[in-house]
Amino acid sequence: MSKADKIFIDNCKDILTNGFWDKDFEVRPKWEDGTPAHTIKKFGIVNRYNLKEEFPILTIRKTFLKNAIDEILWIWQKKSNNIHDLSSHIWDQWADENGSIGKAYGYQLGIKHKYKEGEFDQVDRVLYDLKNNPLSRRIMTNIYNFEDLHEMGLYPCAYSMTFNVTGNTLNGILNQRSQDMLAANNWNVCQYSVLLMMFAQVSGLEVGELVHVIADAHIYDRHIPIIEEIINNTPYDAPSITVDTSINDFYKFTKDSFKLENYNYHDTKIKFPVAI
């Protein structure tokens, strides 16, 4: 059984069994038909994924890894805030008529800041420190910029990464304020696992552990039957992942630099609404 499957199943069962319903409260999210999108949630979930052991992709449903990588590269490599730079359509509903999502995500990572070593944006500062100051306890990014929130199409959900080098191993902590378990949980886990792999490779380090901290882990009311179906699937063993080891520059990676081998999954072909 994939460990990612076990973690996901355990999280969802805990939420459904012990979670808090917000049905008696007014909520911001709405379904496309205007109905309030209520959730059942758990506060403060922490999951750990050892990337040395296996790649944490679900097998009880398919995660579209290339699209997930394409999005993480759109944010961290292209530092873009325009959906025209993205292959998929997952951000369309939050973009304006020009394709912009405002001063969100990649826009924040691309802002340059002054340091005693010179000017860096947040991504290049991490890459600099991993090579020059690997024992630093200050290697982190944060895109929850309060000054710019009013100009963002969506407030950042996954808003902070902390990188830590232990010996020759790169570990990371992903902080997330909000997590739609069906739509985005494993998608984000795979993305930031790949990000750690890329940063480790170009910094001459081994990849270690991803710790995922979720403040509000929730399942939407209309997602519950789908979640119940998925977590009843029998997990397969985790696949292996290979990366083009010739790449030594973070900005040279593409979504095709990674390849899954022996990825068996339940092809549920589910379609589900997304609350806005």
C-alpha atoms as a PDB file:
ATOM      1  CA  MET A   1       0.000   0.000   0.000  1.00  0.00           C
ATOM      2  CA  SER A   2       1.211   3.479  -0.858  1.00  0.00           C
ATOM      3  CA  LYS A   3       1.874   5.448   2.324  1.00  0.00           C
ATOM      4  CA  ALA A   4       0.283   8.470   0.674  1.00  0.00           C
ATOM      5  CA  ASP A   5      -2.916   6.448   0.287  1.00  0.00           C
ATOM      6  CA  LYS A   6      -2.897   5.485   3.958  1.00  0.00           C
ATOM      7  CA  ILE A   7      -2.344   9.066   5.079  1.00  0.00           C
ATOM      8  CA  PHE A   8      -5.119  10.365   2.822  1.00  0.00           C
ATOM      9  CA  ILE A   9      -7.585   7.655   3.866  1.00  0.00           C
ATOM     10  CA  ASP A  10      -6.842   8.202   7.564  1.00  0.00           C
ATOM     11  CA  ASN A  11      -7.217  11.987   7.203  1.00  0.00           C
ATOM     12  CA  CYS A  12     -10.547  11.719   5.388  1.00  0.00           C
ATOM     13  CA  LYS A  13     -11.957   9.163   7.813  1.00  0.00           C
ATOM     14  CA  ASP A  14     -10.946  11.368  10.733  1.00  0.00           C
ATOM     15  CA  ILE A  15     -12.578  14.420   9.170  1.00  0.00           C
ATOM     16  CA  LEU A  16     -15.805  12.567   8.346  1.00  0.00           C
ATOM     17  CA  THR A  17     -15.987  10.915  11.777  1.00  0.00           C
ATOM     18  CA  ASN A  18     -14.713  13.624  14.093  1.00  0.00           C
ATOM     19  CA  GLY A  19     -14.887  16.818  12.050  1.00  0.00           C
ATOM     20  CA  PHE A  20     -16.791  20.018  12.687  1.00  0.00           C
ATOM     21  CA  TRP A  21     -19.704  20.955  10.429  1.00  0.00           C
ATOM     22  CA  ASP A  22     -20.263  24.618   9.547  1.00  0.00           C
ATOM     23  CA  LYS A  23     -23.861  24.091   8.378  1.00  0.00           C
ATOM     24  CA  ASP A  24     -25.239  26.355  11.109  1.00  0.00           C
ATOM     25  CA  PHE A  25     -23.052  29.275  10.039  1.00  0.00           C
ATOM     26  CA  GLU A  26     -22.892  31.652   7.097  1.00  0.00           C
ATOM     27  CA  VAL A  27     -20.010  30.740   4.786  1.00  0.00           C
ATOM     28  CA  ARG A  28     -18.243  32.611   1.996  1.00  0.00           C
ATOM     29  CA  PRO A  29     -17.832  29.820  -0.634  1.00  0.00           C
ATOM     30  CA  LYS A  30     -20.690  29.144  -3.027  1.00  0.00           C
ATOM     31  CA  TRP A  31     -21.490  26.450  -5.563  1.00  0.00           C
ATOM     32  CA  GLU A  32     -22.036  27.450  -9.171  1.00  0.00           C
ATOM     33  CA  ASP A  33     -25.801  27.486  -8.579  1.00  0.00           C
ATOM     34  CA  GLY A  34     -25.382  29.971  -5.726  1.00  0.00           C
ATOM     35  CA  THR A  35     -25.956  27.466  -2.922  1.00  0.00           C
ATOM     36  CA  PRO A  36     -23.673  27.928   0.117  1.00  0.00           C
ATOM     37  CA  ALA A  37     -20.799  25.418   0.024  1.00  0.00           C
ATOM     38  CA  HIS A  38     -20.587  23.992   3.532  1.00  0.00           C
ATOM     39  CA  THR A  39     -17.738  21.846   4.841  1.00  0.00           C
ATOM     40  CA  ILE A  40     -16.820  19.395   7.529  1.00  0.00           C
ATOM     41  CA  LYS A  41     -13.309  20.086   8.780  1.00  0.00           C
ATOM     42  CA  LYS A  42     -10.449  19.254  11.121  1.00  0.00           C
ATOM     43  CA  PHE A  43      -8.056  21.870  12.444  1.00  0.00           C
ATOM     44  CA  GLY A  44      -4.295  21.385  12.480  1.00  0.00           C
ATOM     45  CA  ILE A  45      -3.449  18.275  10.458  1.00  0.00           C
ATOM     46  CA  VAL A  46       0.260  17.469  10.072  1.00  0.00           C
ATOM     47  CA  ASN A  47       1.444  14.819   7.601  1.00  0.00           C
ATOM     48  CA  ARG A  48       4.982  13.619   6.915  1.00  0.00           C
ATOM     49  CA  TYR A  49       6.226  12.127   3.633  1.00  0.00           C
ATOM     50  CA  ASN A  50       9.676  10.539   3.417  1.00  0.00           C
ATOM     51  CA  LEU A  51      10.668  11.057  -0.205  1.00  0.00           C
ATOM     52  CA  LYS A  52      13.616   8.709   0.206  1.00  0.00           C
ATOM     53  CA  GLU A  53      11.170   5.859   0.730  1.00  0.00           C
ATOM     54  CA  GLU A  54       8.592   6.509  -1.978  1.00  0.00           C
ATOM     55  CA  PHE A  55       6.946   9.180  -4.085  1.00  0.00           C
ATOM     56  CA  PRO A  56       3.696  10.195  -2.320  1.00  0.00           C
ATOM     57  CA  ILE A  57       1.163   9.996  -5.125  1.00  0.00           C
ATOM     58  CA  LEU A  58      -2.279   8.476  -4.577  1.00  0.00           C
ATOM     59  CA  THR A  59      -3.228   5.191  -6.195  1.00  0.00           C
ATOM     60  CA  ILE A  60      -6.843   5.109  -4.960  1.00  0.00           C
ATOM     61  CA  ARG A  61      -7.460   7.811  -7.571  1.00  0.00           C
ATOM     62  CA  LYS A  62      -5.312   9.260 -10.296  1.00  0.00           C
ATOM     63  CA  THR A  63      -3.298  12.393  -9.696  1.00  0.00           C
ATOM     64  CA  PHE A  64      -2.350  14.090 -12.954  1.00  0.00           C
ATOM     65  CA  LEU A  65       1.299  14.648 -12.138  1.00  0.00           C
ATOM     66  CA  LYS A  66       2.373  16.508 -15.286  1.00  0.00           C
ATOM     67  CA  ASN A  67      -0.375  19.094 -14.802  1.00  0.00           C
ATOM     68  CA  ALA A  68       0.579  19.424 -11.134  1.00  0.00           C
ATOM     69  CA  ILE A  69       4.240  19.967 -12.075  1.00  0.00           C
ATOM     70  CA  ASP A  70       3.226  22.435 -14.776  1.00  0.00           C
ATOM     71  CA  GLU A  71       1.425  24.521 -12.148  1.00  0.00           C
ATOM     72  CA  ILE A  72       4.292  24.464  -9.631  1.00  0.00           C
ATOM     73  CA  LEU A  73       6.686  25.552 -12.392  1.00  0.00           C
ATOM     74  CA  TRP A  74       4.230  28.309 -13.388  1.00  0.00           C
ATOM     75  CA  ILE A  75       4.406  29.630  -9.834  1.00  0.00           C
ATOM     76  CA  TRP A  76       8.011  28.970  -8.803  1.00  0.00           C
ATOM     77  CA  GLN A  77       9.936  28.975 -12.072  1.00  0.00           C
ATOM     78  CA  LYS A  78       7.995  31.320 -14.361  1.00  0.00           C
ATOM     79  CA  LYS A  79       6.811  33.359 -11.350  1.00  0.00           C
ATOM     80  CA  SER A  80       3.750  34.134 -13.392  1.00  0.00           C
ATOM     81  CA  ASN A  81       0.335  35.385 -12.407  1.00  0.00           C
ATOM     82  CA  ASN A  82      -1.212  34.944 -15.862  1.00  0.00           C
ATOM     83  CA  ILE A  83      -3.143  31.832 -16.861  1.00  0.00           C
ATOM     84  CA  HIS A  84      -1.930  32.166 -20.446  1.00  0.00           C
ATOM     85  CA  ASP A  85       1.443  30.900 -19.169  1.00  0.00           C
ATOM     86  CA  LEU A  86      -0.228  27.768 -17.767  1.00  0.00           C
ATOM     87  CA  SER A  87      -1.110  24.661 -19.774  1.00  0.00           C
ATOM     88  CA  SER A  88      -4.188  23.662 -17.747  1.00  0.00           C
ATOM     89  CA  HIS A  89      -7.370  25.611 -16.987  1.00  0.00           C
ATOM     90  CA  ILE A  90      -7.430  25.165 -13.209  1.00  0.00           C
ATOM     91  CA  TRP A  91      -7.043  28.904 -12.548  1.00  0.00           C
ATOM     92  CA  ASP A  92      -9.495  30.179 -15.166  1.00  0.00           C
ATOM     93  CA  GLN A  93     -12.286  31.008 -12.720  1.00  0.00           C
ATOM     94  CA  TRP A  94     -10.026  33.304 -10.676  1.00  0.00           C
ATOM     95  CA  ALA A  95      -8.537  35.225 -13.618  1.00  0.00           C
ATOM     96  CA  ASP A  96      -9.658  38.542 -15.070  1.00  0.00           C
ATOM     97  CA  GLU A  97     -10.366  39.266 -18.740  1.00  0.00           C
ATOM     98  CA  ASN A  98      -6.619  39.545 -19.414  1.00  0.00           C
ATOM     99  CA  GLY A  99      -5.809  36.231 -17.751  1.00  0.00           C
ATOM    100  CA  SER A 100      -4.286  37.783 -14.629  1.00  0.00           C
ATOM    101  CA  ILE A 101      -4.918  36.453 -11.109  1.00  0.00           C
ATOM    102  CA  GLY A 102      -3.572  39.703  -9.682  1.00  0.00           C
ATOM    103  CA  LYS A 103      -0.683  40.036  -7.266  1.00  0.00           C
ATOM    104  CA  ALA A 104      -0.905  36.398  -6.203  1.00  0.00           C
ATOM    105  CA  TYR A 105       1.317  33.320  -6.135  1.00  0.00           C
ATOM    106  CA  GLY A 106       4.055  33.653  -8.765  1.00  0.00           C
ATOM    107  CA  TYR A 107       3.854  37.436  -8.687  1.00  0.00           C
ATOM    108  CA  GLN A 108       4.893  37.419  -5.025  1.00  0.00           C
ATOM    109  CA  LEU A 109       7.780  35.007  -5.565  1.00  0.00           C
ATOM    110  CA  GLY A 110       9.150  37.218  -8.329  1.00  0.00           C
ATOM    111  CA  ILE A 111       9.390  40.421  -6.277  1.00  0.00           C
ATOM    112  CA  LYS A 112      13.023  41.280  -5.598  1.00  0.00           C
ATOM    113  CA  HIS A 113      14.207  42.149  -2.095  1.00  0.00           C
ATOM    114  CA  LYS A 114      17.450  43.670  -0.879  1.00  0.00           C
ATOM    115  CA  TYR A 115      19.930  41.628   1.169  1.00  0.00           C
ATOM    116  CA  LYS A 116      23.528  42.296   2.144  1.00  0.00           C
ATOM    117  CA  GLU A 117      24.548  39.826  -0.593  1.00  0.00           C
ATOM    118  CA  GLY A 118      22.524  41.707  -3.230  1.00  0.00           C
ATOM    119  CA  GLU A 119      19.001  41.674  -4.667  1.00  0.00           C
ATOM    120  CA  PHE A 120      17.108  38.398  -4.953  1.00  0.00           C
ATOM    121  CA  ASP A 121      13.543  37.317  -5.444  1.00  0.00           C
ATOM    122  CA  GLN A 122      12.321  34.667  -3.004  1.00  0.00           C
ATOM    123  CA  VAL A 123      13.097  31.684  -5.244  1.00  0.00           C
ATOM    124  CA  ASP A 124      16.618  32.803  -6.134  1.00  0.00           C
ATOM    125  CA  ARG A 125      17.316  33.583  -2.474  1.00  0.00           C
ATOM    126  CA  VAL A 126      16.436  29.998  -1.536  1.00  0.00           C
ATOM    127  CA  LEU A 127      18.651  28.633  -4.317  1.00  0.00           C
ATOM    128  CA  TYR A 128      21.503  30.925  -3.237  1.00  0.00           C
ATOM    129  CA  ASP A 129      21.272  29.895   0.407  1.00  0.00           C
ATOM    130  CA  LEU A 130      21.035  26.166  -0.338  1.00  0.00           C
ATOM    131  CA  LYS A 131      24.395  26.421  -2.093  1.00  0.00           C
ATOM    132  CA  ASN A 132      26.103  29.063   0.050  1.00  0.00           C
ATOM    133  CA  ASN A 133      24.422  28.903   3.477  1.00  0.00           C
ATOM    134  CA  PRO A 134      22.979  25.381   3.723  1.00  0.00           C
ATOM    135  CA  LEU A 135      23.013  25.344   7.536  1.00  0.00           C
ATOM    136  CA  SER A 136      20.949  28.523   7.714  1.00  0.00           C
ATOM    137  CA  ARG A 137      17.677  28.297   9.619  1.00  0.00           C
ATOM    138  CA  ARG A 138      16.294  31.206   7.607  1.00  0.00           C
ATOM    139  CA  ILE A 139      15.691  29.549   4.231  1.00  0.00           C
ATOM    140  CA  MET A 140      12.018  30.142   3.609  1.00  0.00           C
ATOM    141  CA  THR A 141       9.438  31.793   1.385  1.00  0.00           C
ATOM    142  CA  ASN A 142       6.112  33.448   2.171  1.00  0.00           C
ATOM    143  CA  ILE A 143       3.599  34.707  -0.387  1.00  0.00           C
ATOM    144  CA  TYR A 144       0.865  35.812   2.044  1.00  0.00           C
ATOM    145  CA  ASN A 145       1.591  39.494   1.544  1.00  0.00           C
ATOM    146  CA  PHE A 146      -1.088  41.398   3.468  1.00  0.00           C
ATOM    147  CA  GLU A 147      -0.394  44.611   1.561  1.00  0.00           C
ATOM    148  CA  ASP A 148      -1.409  42.966  -1.720  1.00  0.00           C
ATOM    149  CA  LEU A 149      -4.277  40.691  -0.632  1.00  0.00           C
ATOM    150  CA  HIS A 150      -6.916  43.062  -1.997  1.00  0.00           C
ATOM    151  CA  GLU A 151      -5.341  42.732  -5.462  1.00  0.00           C
ATOM    152  CA  MET A 152      -5.268  38.922  -5.517  1.00  0.00           C
ATOM    153  CA  GLY A 153      -7.764  36.774  -7.405  1.00  0.00           C
ATOM    154  CA  LEU A 154      -7.481  34.234  -4.582  1.00  0.00           C
ATOM    155  CA  TYR A 155      -5.702  34.514  -1.264  1.00  0.00           C
ATOM    156  CA  PRO A 156      -2.804  32.007  -1.214  1.00  0.00           C
ATOM    157  CA  CYS A 157      -3.758  28.602   0.217  1.00  0.00           C
ATOM    158  CA  ALA A 158      -0.284  27.055   0.222  1.00  0.00           C
ATOM    159  CA  TYR A 159       1.499  30.180   1.393  1.00  0.00           C
ATOM    160  CA  SER A 160       4.845  29.286   2.954  1.00  0.00           C
ATOM    161  CA  MET A 161       7.761  26.894   2.484  1.00  0.00           C
ATOM    162  CA  THR A 162      10.570  26.393   4.980  1.00  0.00           C
ATOM    163  CA  PHE A 163      13.674  24.582   3.734  1.00  0.00           C
ATOM    164  CA  ASN A 164      16.082  22.861   6.097  1.00  0.00           C
ATOM    165  CA  VAL A 165      19.321  21.055   5.313  1.00  0.00           C
ATOM    166  CA  THR A 166      20.306  18.281   7.717  1.00  0.00           C
ATOM    167  CA  GLY A 167      23.680  16.833   6.809  1.00  0.00           C
ATOM    168  CA  ASN A 168      23.374  16.380   3.056  1.00  0.00           C
ATOM    169  CA  THR A 169      19.581  16.060   3.059  1.00  0.00           C
ATOM    170  CA  LEU A 170      17.078  18.747   2.075  1.00  0.00           C
ATOM    171  CA  ASN A 171      13.768  18.711   3.958  1.00  0.00           C
ATOM    172  CA  GLY A 172      10.831  21.073   3.670  1.00  0.00           C
ATOM    173  CA  ILE A 173       7.723  22.230   5.517  1.00  0.00           C
ATOM    174  CA  LEU A 174       4.710  23.325   3.480  1.00  0.00           C
ATOM    175  CA  ASN A 175       2.283  25.534   5.406  1.00  0.00           C
ATOM    176  CA  GLN A 176      -1.256  25.695   4.111  1.00  0.00           C
ATOM    177  CA  ARG A 177      -4.054  27.815   5.573  1.00  0.00           C
ATOM    178  CA  SER A 178      -6.832  25.908   3.778  1.00  0.00           C
ATOM    179  CA  GLN A 179      -7.076  22.541   2.036  1.00  0.00           C
ATOM    180  CA  ASP A 180      -9.901  21.154  -0.114  1.00  0.00           C
ATOM    181  CA  MET A 181      -9.142  17.485   0.486  1.00  0.00           C
ATOM    182  CA  LEU A 182     -10.745  16.203  -2.712  1.00  0.00           C
ATOM    183  CA  ALA A 183      -9.624  18.858  -5.143  1.00  0.00           C
ATOM    184  CA  ALA A 184      -6.137  19.707  -3.952  1.00  0.00           C
ATOM    185  CA  ASN A 185      -4.642  17.570  -1.183  1.00  0.00           C
ATOM    186  CA  ASN A 186      -2.532  15.069  -3.111  1.00  0.00           C
ATOM    187  CA  TRP A 187      -2.048  17.559  -5.918  1.00  0.00           C
ATOM    188  CA  ASN A 188      -0.193  19.868  -3.509  1.00  0.00           C
ATOM    189  CA  VAL A 189       1.719  17.008  -1.870  1.00  0.00           C
ATOM    190  CA  CYS A 190       3.041  15.863  -5.255  1.00  0.00           C
ATOM    191  CA  GLN A 191       3.881  19.415  -6.343  1.00  0.00           C
ATOM    192  CA  TYR A 192       5.956  20.308  -3.322  1.00  0.00           C
ATOM    193  CA  SER A 193       7.617  16.901  -3.265  1.00  0.00           C
ATOM    194  CA  VAL A 194       8.777  17.561  -6.831  1.00  0.00           C
ATOM    195  CA  LEU A 195       9.861  21.082  -5.854  1.00  0.00           C
ATOM    196  CA  LEU A 196      12.036  19.634  -3.089  1.00  0.00           C
ATOM    197  CA  MET A 197      13.497  17.144  -5.562  1.00  0.00           C
ATOM    198  CA  MET A 198      14.378  19.915  -8.008  1.00  0.00           C
ATOM    199  CA  PHE A 199      15.943  22.154  -5.367  1.00  0.00           C
ATOM    200  CA  ALA A 200      17.907  19.249  -3.904  1.00  0.00           C
ATOM    201  CA  GLN A 201      19.281  18.161  -7.276  1.00  0.00           C
ATOM    202  CA  VAL A 202      20.523  21.600  -8.357  1.00  0.00           C
ATOM    203  CA  SER A 203      22.032  22.198  -4.908  1.00  0.00           C
ATOM    204  CA  GLY A 204      23.984  18.930  -4.746  1.00  0.00           C
ATOM    205  CA  LEU A 205      21.788  17.575  -1.947  1.00  0.00           C
ATOM    206  CA  GLU A 206      19.693  14.496  -1.347  1.00  0.00           C
ATOM    207  CA  VAL A 207      15.946  14.885  -1.007  1.00  0.00           C
ATOM    208  CA  GLY A 208      14.492  13.989   2.377  1.00  0.00           C
ATOM    209  CA  GLU A 209      11.162  14.672   4.052  1.00  0.00           C
ATOM    210  CA  LEU A 210       8.176  16.869   3.188  1.00  0.00           C
ATOM    211  CA  VAL A 211       6.111  17.927   6.188  1.00  0.00           C
ATOM    212  CA  HIS A 212       2.646  19.213   5.270  1.00  0.00           C
ATOM    213  CA  VAL A 213       0.922  21.418   7.841  1.00  0.00           C
ATOM    214  CA  ILE A 214      -2.762  22.141   7.136  1.00  0.00           C
ATOM    215  CA  ALA A 215      -4.629  24.645   9.298  1.00  0.00           C
ATOM    216  CA  ASP A 216      -8.129  23.924   7.951  1.00  0.00           C
ATOM    217  CA  ALA A 217      -8.476  20.522   6.244  1.00  0.00           C
ATOM    218  CA  HIS A 218     -12.005  20.208   4.929  1.00  0.00           C
ATOM    219  CA  ILE A 219     -14.363  18.193   2.771  1.00  0.00           C
ATOM    220  CA  TYR A 220     -17.203  20.012   1.018  1.00  0.00           C
ATOM    221  CA  ASP A 221     -20.737  18.725   1.460  1.00  0.00           C
ATOM    222  CA  ARG A 222     -21.133  17.791  -2.222  1.00  0.00           C
ATOM    223  CA  HIS A 223     -17.765  16.007  -2.204  1.00  0.00           C
ATOM    224  CA  ILE A 224     -18.590  13.552   0.570  1.00  0.00           C
ATOM    225  CA  PRO A 225     -20.047  10.741  -1.615  1.00  0.00           C
ATOM    226  CA  ILE A 226     -17.019  10.988  -3.922  1.00  0.00           C
ATOM    227  CA  ILE A 227     -14.565  10.891  -1.009  1.00  0.00           C
ATOM    228  CA  GLU A 228     -16.369   7.886   0.469  1.00  0.00           C
ATOM    229  CA  GLU A 229     -16.089   6.066  -2.849  1.00  0.00           C
ATOM    230  CA  ILE A 230     -12.400   6.879  -3.277  1.00  0.00           C
ATOM    231  CA  ILE A 231     -11.273   5.841   0.212  1.00  0.00           C
ATOM    232  CA  ASN A 232     -12.997   2.464  -0.227  1.00  0.00           C
ATOM    233  CA  ASN A 233     -10.730   1.643  -3.171  1.00  0.00           C
ATOM    234  CA  THR A 234      -7.949  -0.846  -2.501  1.00  0.00           C
ATOM    235  CA  PRO A 235      -4.553   0.934  -2.684  1.00  0.00           C
ATOM    236  CA  TYR A 236      -1.724  -0.247  -4.904  1.00  0.00           C
ATOM    237  CA  ASP A 237       1.979  -0.019  -4.138  1.00  0.00           C
ATOM    238  CA  ALA A 238       3.536   3.375  -4.720  1.00  0.00           C
ATOM    239  CA  PRO A 239       5.156   3.977  -8.107  1.00  0.00           C
ATOM    240  CA  SER A 240       8.731   5.133  -8.515  1.00  0.00           C
ATOM    241  CA  ILE A 241       9.694   8.446 -10.029  1.00  0.00           C
ATOM    242  CA  THR A 242      12.743   9.288 -12.117  1.00  0.00           C
ATOM    243  CA  VAL A 243      14.141  12.723 -12.844  1.00  0.00           C
ATOM    244  CA  ASP A 244      16.467  13.913 -15.579  1.00  0.00           C
ATOM    245  CA  THR A 245      19.715  13.952 -13.602  1.00  0.00           C
ATOM    246  CA  SER A 246      21.527  15.998 -16.254  1.00  0.00           C
ATOM    247  CA  ILE A 247      19.735  19.156 -15.141  1.00  0.00           C
ATOM    248  CA  ASN A 248      21.734  21.361 -12.746  1.00  0.00           C
ATOM    249  CA  ASP A 249      19.771  24.599 -13.208  1.00  0.00           C
ATOM    250  CA  PHE A 250      16.334  24.951 -11.601  1.00  0.00           C
ATOM    251  CA  TYR A 251      15.140  27.033 -14.546  1.00  0.00           C
ATOM    252  CA  LYS A 252      15.841  24.193 -16.997  1.00  0.00           C
ATOM    253  CA  PHE A 253      13.307  21.763 -15.505  1.00  0.00           C
ATOM    254  CA  THR A 254      10.102  21.081 -17.444  1.00  0.00           C
ATOM    255  CA  LYS A 255       7.076  18.943 -16.683  1.00  0.00           C
ATOM    256  CA  ASP A 256       8.696  16.283 -18.881  1.00  0.00           C
ATOM    257  CA  SER A 257      11.815  16.107 -16.676  1.00  0.00           C
ATOM    258  CA  PHE A 258       9.937  13.655 -14.433  1.00  0.00           C
ATOM    259  CA  LYS A 259       8.601  10.210 -15.222  1.00  0.00           C
ATOM    260  CA  LEU A 260       6.456   7.877 -13.140  1.00  0.00           C
ATOM    261  CA  GLU A 261       7.160   4.159 -13.445  1.00  0.00           C
ATOM    262  CA  ASN A 262       4.692   1.424 -12.520  1.00  0.00           C
ATOM    263  CA  TYR A 263       1.951   3.866 -11.618  1.00  0.00           C
ATOM    264  CA  ASN A 264      -1.146   1.747 -11.003  1.00  0.00           C
ATOM    265  CA  TYR A 265      -4.256   3.626  -9.950  1.00  0.00           C
ATOM    266  CA  HIS A 266      -8.037   3.406  -9.800  1.00  0.00           C
ATOM    267  CA  ASP A 267      -9.361   5.239 -12.837  1.00  0.00           C
ATOM    268  CA  THR A 268     -12.538   6.574 -11.257  1.00  0.00           C
ATOM    269  CA  LYS A 269     -12.963   9.341 -13.877  1.00  0.00           C
ATOM    270  CA  ILE A 270     -14.724  11.464 -11.322  1.00  0.00           C
ATOM    271  CA  LYS A 271     -16.071  14.910 -12.045  1.00  0.00           C
ATOM    272  CA  PHE A 272     -16.821  17.150  -9.124  1.00  0.00           C
ATOM    273  CA  PRO A 273     -17.887  20.753  -8.564  1.00  0.00           C
ATOM    274  CA  VAL A 274     -15.421  23.291  -7.200  1.00  0.00           C
ATOM    275  CA  ALA A 275     -16.641  25.845  -4.699  1.00  0.00           C
ATOM    276  CA  ILE A 276     -15.739  29.477  -5.317  1.00  0.00           C
END
